[in-house]
PDB file of N, CA and C in Angstrom:
ATOM      1  N   UNK A   1      19.565  38.496  41.604  1.00  0.00           N
ATOM      2  CA  UNK A   1      18.779  39.395  41.034  1.00  0.00           C
ATOM      3  C   UNK A   1      17.422  38.715  40.512  1.00  0.00           C
ATOM      4  N   UNK A   2      16.277  39.631  40.724  1.00  0.00           N
ATOM      5  CA  UNK A   2      14.978  39.201  40.306  1.00  0.00           C
ATOM      6  C   UNK A   2      14.579  39.963  38.934  1.00  0.00           C
ATOM      7  N   UNK A   3      14.411  38.745  38.213  1.00  0.00           N
ATOM      8  CA  UNK A   3      14.501  38.994  36.409  1.00  0.00           C
ATOM      9  C   UNK A   3      13.141  38.550  36.160  1.00  0.00           C
ATOM     10  N   UNK A   4      12.389  39.702  35.425  1.00  0.00           N
ATOM     11  CA  UNK A   4      11.272  39.122  34.708  1.00  0.00           C
ATOM     12  C   UNK A   4      11.548  39.067  33.222  1.00  0.00           C
ATOM     13  N   UNK A   5      11.237  38.100  32.597  1.00  0.00           N
ATOM     14  CA  UNK A   5      11.190  37.643  31.021  1.00  0.00           C
ATOM     15  C   UNK A   5       9.947  37.599  30.452  1.00  0.00           C
ATOM     16  N   UNK A   6       9.743  38.461  29.526  1.00  0.00           N
ATOM     17  CA  UNK A   6       8.576  38.573  28.759  1.00  0.00           C
ATOM     18  C   UNK A   6       8.646  38.271  27.489  1.00  0.00           C
ATOM     19  N   UNK A   7       7.921  37.315  26.630  1.00  0.00           N
ATOM     20  CA  UNK A   7       7.669  37.212  25.271  1.00  0.00           C
ATOM     21  C   UNK A   7       6.423  37.093  24.973  1.00  0.00           C
ATOM     22  N   UNK A   8       6.027  37.885  24.089  1.00  0.00           N
ATOM     23  CA  UNK A   8       4.589  37.929  23.567  1.00  0.00           C
ATOM     24  C   UNK A   8       4.745  37.738  22.233  1.00  0.00           C
ATOM     25  N   UNK A   9       4.026  36.446  21.841  1.00  0.00           N
ATOM     26  CA  UNK A   9       4.364  35.882  20.498  1.00  0.00           C
ATOM     27  C   UNK A   9       4.280  34.131  20.360  1.00  0.00           C
ATOM     28  N   UNK A  10       4.476  33.934  19.337  1.00  0.00           N
ATOM     29  CA  UNK A  10       4.185  32.419  19.381  1.00  0.00           C
ATOM     30  C   UNK A  10       5.711  31.613  19.741  1.00  0.00           C
ATOM     31  N   UNK A  11       5.661  30.241  19.632  1.00  0.00           N
ATOM     32  CA  UNK A  11       6.690  29.527  20.547  1.00  0.00           C
ATOM     33  C   UNK A  11       8.162  30.003  20.037  1.00  0.00           C
ATOM     34  N   UNK A  12       8.180  30.849  19.010  1.00  0.00           N
ATOM     35  CA  UNK A  12       9.545  31.356  18.222  1.00  0.00           C
ATOM     36  C   UNK A  12      10.123  32.447  19.167  1.00  0.00           C
ATOM     37  N   UNK A  13       9.208  32.953  19.942  1.00  0.00           N
ATOM     38  CA  UNK A  13       9.574  34.325  20.783  1.00  0.00           C
ATOM     39  C   UNK A  13       9.634  33.711  22.179  1.00  0.00           C
ATOM     40  N   UNK A  14       8.773  32.627  22.583  1.00  0.00           N
ATOM     41  CA  UNK A  14       8.744  32.554  23.903  1.00  0.00           C
ATOM     42  C   UNK A  14       9.792  31.261  24.150  1.00  0.00           C
ATOM     43  N   UNK A  15       9.843  30.343  23.432  1.00  0.00           N
ATOM     44  CA  UNK A  15      10.971  29.150  23.838  1.00  0.00           C
ATOM     45  C   UNK A  15      12.350  29.764  23.951  1.00  0.00           C
ATOM     46  N   UNK A  16      13.329  30.892  23.373  1.00  0.00           N
ATOM     47  CA  UNK A  16      14.454  31.275  23.558  1.00  0.00           C
ATOM     48  C   UNK A  16      14.447  31.854  24.920  1.00  0.00           C
ATOM     49  N   UNK A  17      13.317  32.582  25.318  1.00  0.00           N
ATOM     50  CA  UNK A  17      13.230  33.249  26.600  1.00  0.00           C
ATOM     51  C   UNK A  17      13.196  32.093  27.996  1.00  0.00           C
ATOM     52  N   UNK A  18      12.502  30.927  27.398  1.00  0.00           N
ATOM     53  CA  UNK A  18      12.359  30.066  28.357  1.00  0.00           C
ATOM     54  C   UNK A  18      13.897  29.316  28.599  1.00  0.00           C
ATOM     55  N   UNK A  19      14.525  29.155  27.750  1.00  0.00           N
ATOM     56  CA  UNK A  19      15.827  28.547  27.830  1.00  0.00           C
ATOM     57  C   UNK A  19      16.984  29.877  28.665  1.00  0.00           C
ATOM     58  N   UNK A  20      16.631  31.002  28.096  1.00  0.00           N
ATOM     59  CA  UNK A  20      17.257  31.899  29.029  1.00  0.00           C
ATOM     60  C   UNK A  20      17.124  31.923  30.438  1.00  0.00           C
ATOM     61  N   UNK A  21      15.795  31.783  30.748  1.00  0.00           N
ATOM     62  CA  UNK A  21      15.151  31.907  32.027  1.00  0.00           C
ATOM     63  C   UNK A  21      15.893  30.464  32.871  1.00  0.00           C
ATOM     64  N   UNK A  22      15.902  29.511  32.105  1.00  0.00           N
ATOM     65  CA  UNK A  22      16.788  28.037  32.967  1.00  0.00           C
ATOM     66  C   UNK A  22      17.983  28.444  33.125  1.00  0.00           C
ATOM     67  N   UNK A  23      18.771  29.358  32.262  1.00  0.00           N
ATOM     68  CA  UNK A  23      20.103  29.513  32.384  1.00  0.00           C
ATOM     69  C   UNK A  23      20.272  30.412  33.501  1.00  0.00           C
ATOM     70  N   UNK A  24      19.539  31.584  33.766  1.00  0.00           N
ATOM     71  CA  UNK A  24      19.619  32.589  34.726  1.00  0.00           C
ATOM     72  C   UNK A  24      19.343  31.847  35.968  1.00  0.00           C
ATOM     73  N   UNK A  25      18.258  30.882  36.092  1.00  0.00           N
ATOM     74  CA  UNK A  25      18.112  30.123  37.307  1.00  0.00           C
ATOM     75  C   UNK A  25      19.242  29.585  37.745  1.00  0.00           C
ATOM     76  N   UNK A  26      19.913  28.764  36.635  1.00  0.00           N
ATOM     77  CA  UNK A  26      21.122  27.955  37.173  1.00  0.00           C
ATOM     78  C   UNK A  26      22.237  28.836  37.751  1.00  0.00           C
ATOM     79  N   UNK A  27      22.267  30.103  37.457  1.00  0.00           N
ATOM     80  CA  UNK A  27      23.104  31.091  37.971  1.00  0.00           C
ATOM     81  C   UNK A  27      22.711  31.841  39.263  1.00  0.00           C
ATOM     82  N   UNK A  28      21.560  31.275  39.647  1.00  0.00           N
ATOM     83  CA  UNK A  28      21.207  31.897  40.952  1.00  0.00           C
ATOM     84  C   UNK A  28      20.073  33.040  40.974  1.00  0.00           C
ATOM     85  N   UNK A  29      19.631  33.341  39.935  1.00  0.00           N
ATOM     86  CA  UNK A  29      18.704  34.353  39.768  1.00  0.00           C
ATOM     87  C   UNK A  29      17.060  33.992  39.931  1.00  0.00           C
ATOM     88  N   UNK A  30      16.452  34.963  40.402  1.00  0.00           N
ATOM     89  CA  UNK A  30      15.090  34.735  40.701  1.00  0.00           C
ATOM     90  C   UNK A  30      14.375  34.948  39.334  1.00  0.00           C
ATOM     91  N   UNK A  31      13.947  34.146  38.802  1.00  0.00           N
ATOM     92  CA  UNK A  31      13.456  34.414  37.318  1.00  0.00           C
ATOM     93  C   UNK A  31      11.968  33.922  37.194  1.00  0.00           C
ATOM     94  N   UNK A  32      11.097  34.965  36.525  1.00  0.00           N
ATOM     95  CA  UNK A  32       9.779  34.480  36.098  1.00  0.00           C
ATOM     96  C   UNK A  32       9.432  34.939  34.859  1.00  0.00           C
ATOM     97  N   UNK A  33       8.723  34.181  34.083  1.00  0.00           N
ATOM     98  CA  UNK A  33       8.293  34.299  32.577  1.00  0.00           C
ATOM     99  C   UNK A  33       7.046  34.924  32.571  1.00  0.00           C
ATOM    100  N   UNK A  34       6.991  35.850  31.761  1.00  0.00           N
ATOM    101  CA  UNK A  34       5.450  36.383  31.218  1.00  0.00           C
ATOM    102  C   UNK A  34       5.481  36.195  29.833  1.00  0.00           C
ATOM    103  N   UNK A  35       4.406  35.600  29.272  1.00  0.00           N
ATOM    104  CA  UNK A  35       4.065  34.930  28.021  1.00  0.00           C
ATOM    105  C   UNK A  35       2.554  34.715  27.989  1.00  0.00           C
ATOM    106  N   UNK A  36       2.072  34.666  26.665  1.00  0.00           N
ATOM    107  CA  UNK A  36       0.582  34.192  26.357  1.00  0.00           C
ATOM    108  C   UNK A  36       0.065  33.105  27.397  1.00  0.00           C
ATOM    109  N   UNK A  37      -1.091  32.970  27.825  1.00  0.00           N
ATOM    110  CA  UNK A  37      -2.032  31.881  28.543  1.00  0.00           C
ATOM    111  C   UNK A  37      -1.384  30.491  28.018  1.00  0.00           C
ATOM    112  N   UNK A  38      -1.354  30.307  26.621  1.00  0.00           N
ATOM    113  CA  UNK A  38      -1.486  28.945  26.210  1.00  0.00           C
ATOM    114  C   UNK A  38       0.126  28.429  26.426  1.00  0.00           C
ATOM    115  N   UNK A  39       1.181  29.189  27.083  1.00  0.00           N
ATOM    116  CA  UNK A  39       2.561  28.576  27.405  1.00  0.00           C
ATOM    117  C   UNK A  39       2.425  28.112  28.809  1.00  0.00           C
ATOM    118  N   UNK A  40       1.452  28.118  29.434  1.00  0.00           N
ATOM    119  CA  UNK A  40       1.384  27.932  31.030  1.00  0.00           C
ATOM    120  C   UNK A  40       2.066  26.601  31.196  1.00  0.00           C
ATOM    121  N   UNK A  41       1.583  25.478  30.650  1.00  0.00           N
ATOM    122  CA  UNK A  41       1.942  24.293  31.143  1.00  0.00           C
ATOM    123  C   UNK A  41       3.542  23.892  30.677  1.00  0.00           C
ATOM    124  N   UNK A  42       4.030  24.541  29.572  1.00  0.00           N
ATOM    125  CA  UNK A  42       5.385  24.537  29.182  1.00  0.00           C
ATOM    126  C   UNK A  42       6.198  25.174  30.173  1.00  0.00           C
ATOM    127  N   UNK A  43       5.922  26.302  30.618  1.00  0.00           N
ATOM    128  CA  UNK A  43       7.014  27.065  31.466  1.00  0.00           C
ATOM    129  C   UNK A  43       6.853  26.412  32.706  1.00  0.00           C
ATOM    130  N   UNK A  44       5.735  25.936  33.391  1.00  0.00           N
ATOM    131  CA  UNK A  44       5.694  25.247  34.745  1.00  0.00           C
ATOM    132  C   UNK A  44       6.184  24.061  34.612  1.00  0.00           C
ATOM    133  N   UNK A  45       6.169  23.173  33.569  1.00  0.00           N
ATOM    134  CA  UNK A  45       6.791  22.037  33.586  1.00  0.00           C
ATOM    135  C   UNK A  45       8.344  22.203  33.717  1.00  0.00           C
ATOM    136  N   UNK A  46       8.966  23.084  33.169  1.00  0.00           N
ATOM    137  CA  UNK A  46      10.470  23.270  33.611  1.00  0.00           C
ATOM    138  C   UNK A  46      10.490  24.219  35.002  1.00  0.00           C
ATOM    139  N   UNK A  47       9.730  24.299  35.690  1.00  0.00           N
ATOM    140  CA  UNK A  47       9.955  25.024  37.045  1.00  0.00           C
ATOM    141  C   UNK A  47       9.991  26.356  37.264  1.00  0.00           C
ATOM    142  N   UNK A  48       9.657  27.160  36.192  1.00  0.00           N
ATOM    143  CA  UNK A  48       9.829  28.492  36.448  1.00  0.00           C
ATOM    144  C   UNK A  48       8.625  29.221  36.679  1.00  0.00           C
ATOM    145  N   UNK A  49       8.339  30.333  37.513  1.00  0.00           N
ATOM    146  CA  UNK A  49       7.070  30.900  37.704  1.00  0.00           C
ATOM    147  C   UNK A  49       6.543  31.570  36.438  1.00  0.00           C
ATOM    148  N   UNK A  50       5.376  31.492  36.294  1.00  0.00           N
ATOM    149  CA  UNK A  50       4.622  31.840  35.023  1.00  0.00           C
ATOM    150  C   UNK A  50       3.568  32.881  35.341  1.00  0.00           C
ATOM    151  N   UNK A  51       3.524  33.918  34.505  1.00  0.00           N
ATOM    152  CA  UNK A  51       2.242  34.998  34.619  1.00  0.00           C
ATOM    153  C   UNK A  51       1.932  35.121  33.211  1.00  0.00           C
ATOM    154  N   UNK A  52       0.572  35.004  33.070  1.00  0.00           N
ATOM    155  CA  UNK A  52       0.026  35.177  31.696  1.00  0.00           C
ATOM    156  C   UNK A  52      -0.122  36.441  31.341  1.00  0.00           C
ATOM    157  N   UNK A  53       0.276  36.591  30.060  1.00  0.00           N
ATOM    158  CA  UNK A  53       0.225  38.183  29.796  1.00  0.00           C
ATOM    159  C   UNK A  53      -0.259  38.050  28.213  1.00  0.00           C
ATOM    160  N   UNK A  54      -1.302  38.992  27.651  1.00  0.00           N
ATOM    161  CA  UNK A  54      -1.778  38.782  26.264  1.00  0.00           C
ATOM    162  C   UNK A  54      -2.773  37.729  26.111  1.00  0.00           C
ATOM    163  N   UNK A  55      -2.733  37.492  24.653  1.00  0.00           N
ATOM    164  CA  UNK A  55      -3.931  36.728  24.205  1.00  0.00           C
ATOM    165  C   UNK A  55      -3.496  35.088  23.941  1.00  0.00           C
ATOM    166  N   UNK A  56      -4.291  34.213  24.042  1.00  0.00           N
ATOM    167  CA  UNK A  56      -3.735  32.940  23.546  1.00  0.00           C
ATOM    168  C   UNK A  56      -3.532  32.769  22.103  1.00  0.00           C
ATOM    169  N   UNK A  57      -2.255  32.517  21.819  1.00  0.00           N
ATOM    170  CA  UNK A  57      -1.750  32.834  20.361  1.00  0.00           C
ATOM    171  C   UNK A  57      -2.354  31.670  19.497  1.00  0.00           C
ATOM    172  N   UNK A  58      -2.344  30.320  20.004  1.00  0.00           N
ATOM    173  CA  UNK A  58      -2.954  29.509  19.143  1.00  0.00           C
ATOM    174  C   UNK A  58      -4.319  29.560  18.676  1.00  0.00           C
ATOM    175  N   UNK A  59      -5.025  30.299  19.547  1.00  0.00           N
ATOM    176  CA  UNK A  59      -6.408  30.680  19.314  1.00  0.00           C
ATOM    177  C   UNK A  59      -6.509  31.838  18.506  1.00  0.00           C
ATOM    178  N   UNK A  60      -5.580  32.976  18.581  1.00  0.00           N
ATOM    179  CA  UNK A  60      -5.548  33.692  17.558  1.00  0.00           C
ATOM    180  C   UNK A  60      -5.105  33.489  16.265  1.00  0.00           C
ATOM    181  N   UNK A  61      -4.365  32.641  16.048  1.00  0.00           N
ATOM    182  CA  UNK A  61      -3.919  31.958  14.724  1.00  0.00           C
ATOM    183  C   UNK A  61      -5.046  31.174  14.236  1.00  0.00           C
ATOM    184  N   UNK A  62      -5.802  30.359  15.003  1.00  0.00           N
ATOM    185  CA  UNK A  62      -6.536  29.317  14.361  1.00  0.00           C
ATOM    186  C   UNK A  62      -7.821  30.425  13.716  1.00  0.00           C
ATOM    187  N   UNK A  63      -8.117  31.412  14.552  1.00  0.00           N
ATOM    188  CA  UNK A  63      -9.202  32.327  14.090  1.00  0.00           C
ATOM    189  C   UNK A  63      -8.778  33.173  12.930  1.00  0.00           C
ATOM    190  N   UNK A  64      -7.372  33.589  13.001  1.00  0.00           N
ATOM    191  CA  UNK A  64      -7.088  34.143  11.778  1.00  0.00           C
ATOM    192  C   UNK A  64      -7.046  33.363  10.609  1.00  0.00           C
ATOM    193  N   UNK A  65      -6.411  32.244  10.507  1.00  0.00           N
ATOM    194  CA  UNK A  65      -6.357  31.390   9.301  1.00  0.00           C
ATOM    195  C   UNK A  65      -7.933  31.088   8.885  1.00  0.00           C
ATOM    196  N   UNK A  66      -9.033  31.006   9.827  1.00  0.00           N
ATOM    197  CA  UNK A  66     -10.260  30.634   9.427  1.00  0.00           C
ATOM    198  C   UNK A  66     -10.681  31.906   8.640  1.00  0.00           C
ATOM    199  N   UNK A  67     -10.556  32.975   9.145  1.00  0.00           N
ATOM    200  CA  UNK A  67     -11.143  34.235   8.644  1.00  0.00           C
ATOM    201  C   UNK A  67     -10.435  34.797   7.186  1.00  0.00           C
ATOM    202  N   UNK A  68      -9.045  34.338   7.174  1.00  0.00           N
ATOM    203  CA  UNK A  68      -8.458  34.738   5.918  1.00  0.00           C
ATOM    204  C   UNK A  68      -9.319  34.596   4.560  1.00  0.00           C
ATOM    205  N   UNK A  69      -9.979  33.382   4.486  1.00  0.00           N
ATOM    206  CA  UNK A  69     -10.767  32.971   3.397  1.00  0.00           C
ATOM    207  C   UNK A  69     -11.755  34.200   3.159  1.00  0.00           C
ATOM    208  N   UNK A  70     -12.460  34.964   3.942  1.00  0.00           N
ATOM    209  CA  UNK A  70     -13.387  35.619   3.951  1.00  0.00           C
ATOM    210  C   UNK A  70     -12.730  37.091   3.994  1.00  0.00           C
ATOM    211  N   UNK A  71     -11.730  37.378   4.868  1.00  0.00           N
ATOM    212  CA  UNK A  71     -11.092  38.618   4.956  1.00  0.00           C
ATOM    213  C   UNK A  71      -9.485  38.431   4.856  1.00  0.00           C
ATOM    214  N   UNK A  72      -9.111  38.867   3.620  1.00  0.00           N
ATOM    215  CA  UNK A  72      -7.747  38.640   3.377  1.00  0.00           C
ATOM    216  C   UNK A  72      -6.458  39.587   4.281  1.00  0.00           C
ATOM    217  N   UNK A  73      -7.249  40.628   4.690  1.00  0.00           N
ATOM    218  CA  UNK A  73      -6.406  41.437   5.672  1.00  0.00           C
ATOM    219  C   UNK A  73      -6.656  41.149   7.162  1.00  0.00           C
ATOM    220  N   UNK A  74      -7.062  39.795   7.518  1.00  0.00           N
ATOM    221  CA  UNK A  74      -7.014  39.375   8.709  1.00  0.00           C
ATOM    222  C   UNK A  74      -5.789  39.414   9.568  1.00  0.00           C
ATOM    223  N   UNK A  75      -4.725  38.868   9.098  1.00  0.00           N
ATOM    224  CA  UNK A  75      -3.462  39.220   9.642  1.00  0.00           C
ATOM    225  C   UNK A  75      -3.062  40.336  10.402  1.00  0.00           C
ATOM    226  N   UNK A  76      -3.476  41.431   9.562  1.00  0.00           N
ATOM    227  CA  UNK A  76      -3.223  42.861   9.995  1.00  0.00           C
ATOM    228  C   UNK A  76      -4.021  43.014  11.443  1.00  0.00           C
ATOM    229  N   UNK A  77      -5.342  42.384  11.685  1.00  0.00           N
ATOM    230  CA  UNK A  77      -5.849  42.503  12.857  1.00  0.00           C
ATOM    231  C   UNK A  77      -5.237  41.934  13.975  1.00  0.00           C
ATOM    232  N   UNK A  78      -4.715  40.543  13.602  1.00  0.00           N
ATOM    233  CA  UNK A  78      -3.973  39.835  14.589  1.00  0.00           C
ATOM    234  C   UNK A  78      -2.573  40.594  15.204  1.00  0.00           C
ATOM    235  N   UNK A  79      -1.738  41.250  14.251  1.00  0.00           N
ATOM    236  CA  UNK A  79      -0.931  41.903  14.580  1.00  0.00           C
ATOM    237  C   UNK A  79      -1.122  43.060  15.694  1.00  0.00           C
ATOM    238  N   UNK A  80      -2.417  43.813  15.269  1.00  0.00           N
ATOM    239  CA  UNK A  80      -2.932  45.061  15.921  1.00  0.00           C
ATOM    240  C   UNK A  80      -3.213  44.352  17.420  1.00  0.00           C
ATOM    241  N   UNK A  81      -4.022  43.457  17.573  1.00  0.00           N
ATOM    242  CA  UNK A  81      -4.311  42.713  18.631  1.00  0.00           C
ATOM    243  C   UNK A  81      -3.284  42.480  19.763  1.00  0.00           C
ATOM    244  N   UNK A  82      -1.820  41.785  19.039  1.00  0.00           N
ATOM    245  CA  UNK A  82      -0.938  41.523  19.800  1.00  0.00           C
ATOM    246  C   UNK A  82      -0.194  42.676  20.291  1.00  0.00           C
ATOM    247  N   UNK A  83       0.074  43.880  19.350  1.00  0.00           N
ATOM    248  CA  UNK A  83       0.751  45.148  19.716  1.00  0.00           C
ATOM    249  C   UNK A  83      -0.052  45.547  21.027  1.00  0.00           C
ATOM    250  N   UNK A  84      -1.409  45.668  21.018  1.00  0.00           N
ATOM    251  CA  UNK A  84      -1.949  46.360  22.191  1.00  0.00           C
ATOM    252  C   UNK A  84      -2.432  45.399  23.318  1.00  0.00           C
ATOM    253  N   UNK A  85      -1.373  44.491  23.555  1.00  0.00           N
ATOM    254  CA  UNK A  85      -1.466  43.283  24.579  1.00  0.00           C
ATOM    255  C   UNK A  85      -1.707  44.362  25.971  1.00  0.00           C
ATOM    256  N   UNK A  86      -2.193  43.674  26.930  1.00  0.00           N
ATOM    257  CA  UNK A  86      -2.501  44.397  28.161  1.00  0.00           C
ATOM    258  C   UNK A  86      -1.229  44.940  28.966  1.00  0.00           C
ATOM    259  N   UNK A  87      -0.721  46.042  28.699  1.00  0.00           N
ATOM    260  CA  UNK A  87       0.574  46.540  29.432  1.00  0.00           C
ATOM    261  C   UNK A  87       0.304  46.507  31.099  1.00  0.00           C
ATOM    262  N   UNK A  88      -1.042  46.460  31.583  1.00  0.00           N
ATOM    263  CA  UNK A  88      -1.044  46.652  32.819  1.00  0.00           C
ATOM    264  C   UNK A  88      -0.689  44.965  33.471  1.00  0.00           C
ATOM    265  N   UNK A  89      -1.447  44.140  32.692  1.00  0.00           N
ATOM    266  CA  UNK A  89      -0.975  42.812  33.099  1.00  0.00           C
ATOM    267  C   UNK A  89       0.564  42.443  33.177  1.00  0.00           C
ATOM    268  N   UNK A  90       1.271  42.971  32.302  1.00  0.00           N
ATOM    269  CA  UNK A  90       2.747  42.903  32.402  1.00  0.00           C
ATOM    270  C   UNK A  90       3.221  43.565  33.582  1.00  0.00           C
ATOM    271  N   UNK A  91       2.819  44.951  33.690  1.00  0.00           N
ATOM    272  CA  UNK A  91       3.266  45.702  34.894  1.00  0.00           C
ATOM    273  C   UNK A  91       3.029  44.754  35.928  1.00  0.00           C
ATOM    274  N   UNK A  92       1.905  44.319  36.315  1.00  0.00           N
ATOM    275  CA  UNK A  92       1.757  43.674  37.426  1.00  0.00           C
ATOM    276  C   UNK A  92       2.755  42.363  37.921  1.00  0.00           C
ATOM    277  N   UNK A  93       2.875  41.506  36.466  1.00  0.00           N
ATOM    278  CA  UNK A  93       3.439  40.301  36.636  1.00  0.00           C
ATOM    279  C   UNK A  93       4.905  40.920  36.903  1.00  0.00           C
ATOM    280  N   UNK A  94       5.553  42.011  36.506  1.00  0.00           N
ATOM    281  CA  UNK A  94       7.093  42.354  36.822  1.00  0.00           C
ATOM    282  C   UNK A  94       7.388  43.224  38.248  1.00  0.00           C
ATOM    283  N   UNK A  95       6.108  43.033  39.081  1.00  0.00           N
ATOM    284  CA  UNK A  95       6.190  43.824  40.288  1.00  0.00           C
ATOM    285  C   UNK A  95       7.466  43.181  41.090  1.00  0.00           C
ATOM    286  N   UNK A  96       8.266  43.896  41.558  1.00  0.00           N
ATOM    287  CA  UNK A  96       9.259  43.307  42.390  1.00  0.00           C
ATOM    288  C   UNK A  96      10.336  42.951  41.505  1.00  0.00           C
ATOM    289  N   UNK A  97      10.529  42.944  40.314  1.00  0.00           N
ATOM    290  CA  UNK A  97      11.614  42.429  39.427  1.00  0.00           C
ATOM    291  C   UNK A  97      12.390  43.562  39.182  1.00  0.00           C
ATOM    292  N   UNK A  98      13.919  43.459  39.613  1.00  0.00           N
ATOM    293  CA  UNK A  98      14.647  44.558  39.251  1.00  0.00           C
ATOM    294  C   UNK A  98      15.188  44.842  37.674  1.00  0.00           C
ATOM    295  N   UNK A  99      14.547  43.906  36.872  1.00  0.00           N
ATOM    296  CA  UNK A  99      14.884  44.257  35.548  1.00  0.00           C
ATOM    297  C   UNK A  99      14.054  43.246  34.588  1.00  0.00           C
ATOM    298  N   UNK A 100      13.436  43.847  33.444  1.00  0.00           N
ATOM    299  CA  UNK A 100      12.599  43.274  32.453  1.00  0.00           C
ATOM    300  C   UNK A 100      13.648  42.944  31.191  1.00  0.00           C
ATOM    301  N   UNK A 101      13.045  41.740  30.952  1.00  0.00           N
ATOM    302  CA  UNK A 101      13.710  41.656  29.512  1.00  0.00           C
ATOM    303  C   UNK A 101      12.611  41.056  28.427  1.00  0.00           C
ATOM    304  N   UNK A 102      12.775  41.609  27.372  1.00  0.00           N
ATOM    305  CA  UNK A 102      11.574  41.445  26.486  1.00  0.00           C
ATOM    306  C   UNK A 102      12.006  40.841  25.138  1.00  0.00           C
ATOM    307  N   UNK A 103      10.952  40.159  24.692  1.00  0.00           N
ATOM    308  CA  UNK A 103      11.236  39.596  23.194  1.00  0.00           C
ATOM    309  C   UNK A 103       9.795  39.555  22.601  1.00  0.00           C
ATOM    310  N   UNK A 104      10.254  39.264  21.236  1.00  0.00           N
ATOM    311  CA  UNK A 104       8.869  39.170  20.355  1.00  0.00           C
ATOM    312  C   UNK A 104       8.500  40.613  19.767  1.00  0.00           C
ATOM    313  N   UNK A 105       7.146  40.864  19.516  1.00  0.00           N
ATOM    314  CA  UNK A 105       6.640  42.063  19.054  1.00  0.00           C
ATOM    315  C   UNK A 105       6.459  42.981  20.097  1.00  0.00           C
ATOM    316  N   UNK A 106       6.404  42.907  21.311  1.00  0.00           N
ATOM    317  CA  UNK A 106       6.292  43.682  22.208  1.00  0.00           C
ATOM    318  C   UNK A 106       7.352  44.776  22.285  1.00  0.00           C
ATOM    319  N   UNK A 107       8.363  44.229  22.163  1.00  0.00           N
ATOM    320  CA  UNK A 107       9.598  45.395  22.141  1.00  0.00           C
ATOM    321  C   UNK A 107       9.549  46.536  21.443  1.00  0.00           C
TER     322      UNK A 107
END
């Protein structure tokens, strides 16, 4: 089966999907992982195809922490940006997949 796994969020959302992807691949499935761009190396290092979707999480968190001093509601902006991640990019990354399994705030 061709399976697209998608996790939009920090490592806590991506790491379980990475483990699931490896387990599915061991069972003979064709698996790809769609995640924020800063997880590229981690996914490629374990041998799964990677498709970048959404924003760089590390950069977004760094900017938010810096901005919280001046703007206490900055975390709300981050959540808004993560929720609005580009669904078109995810649609392209999932082309040919028979199933999409999502995790994190995108669900």
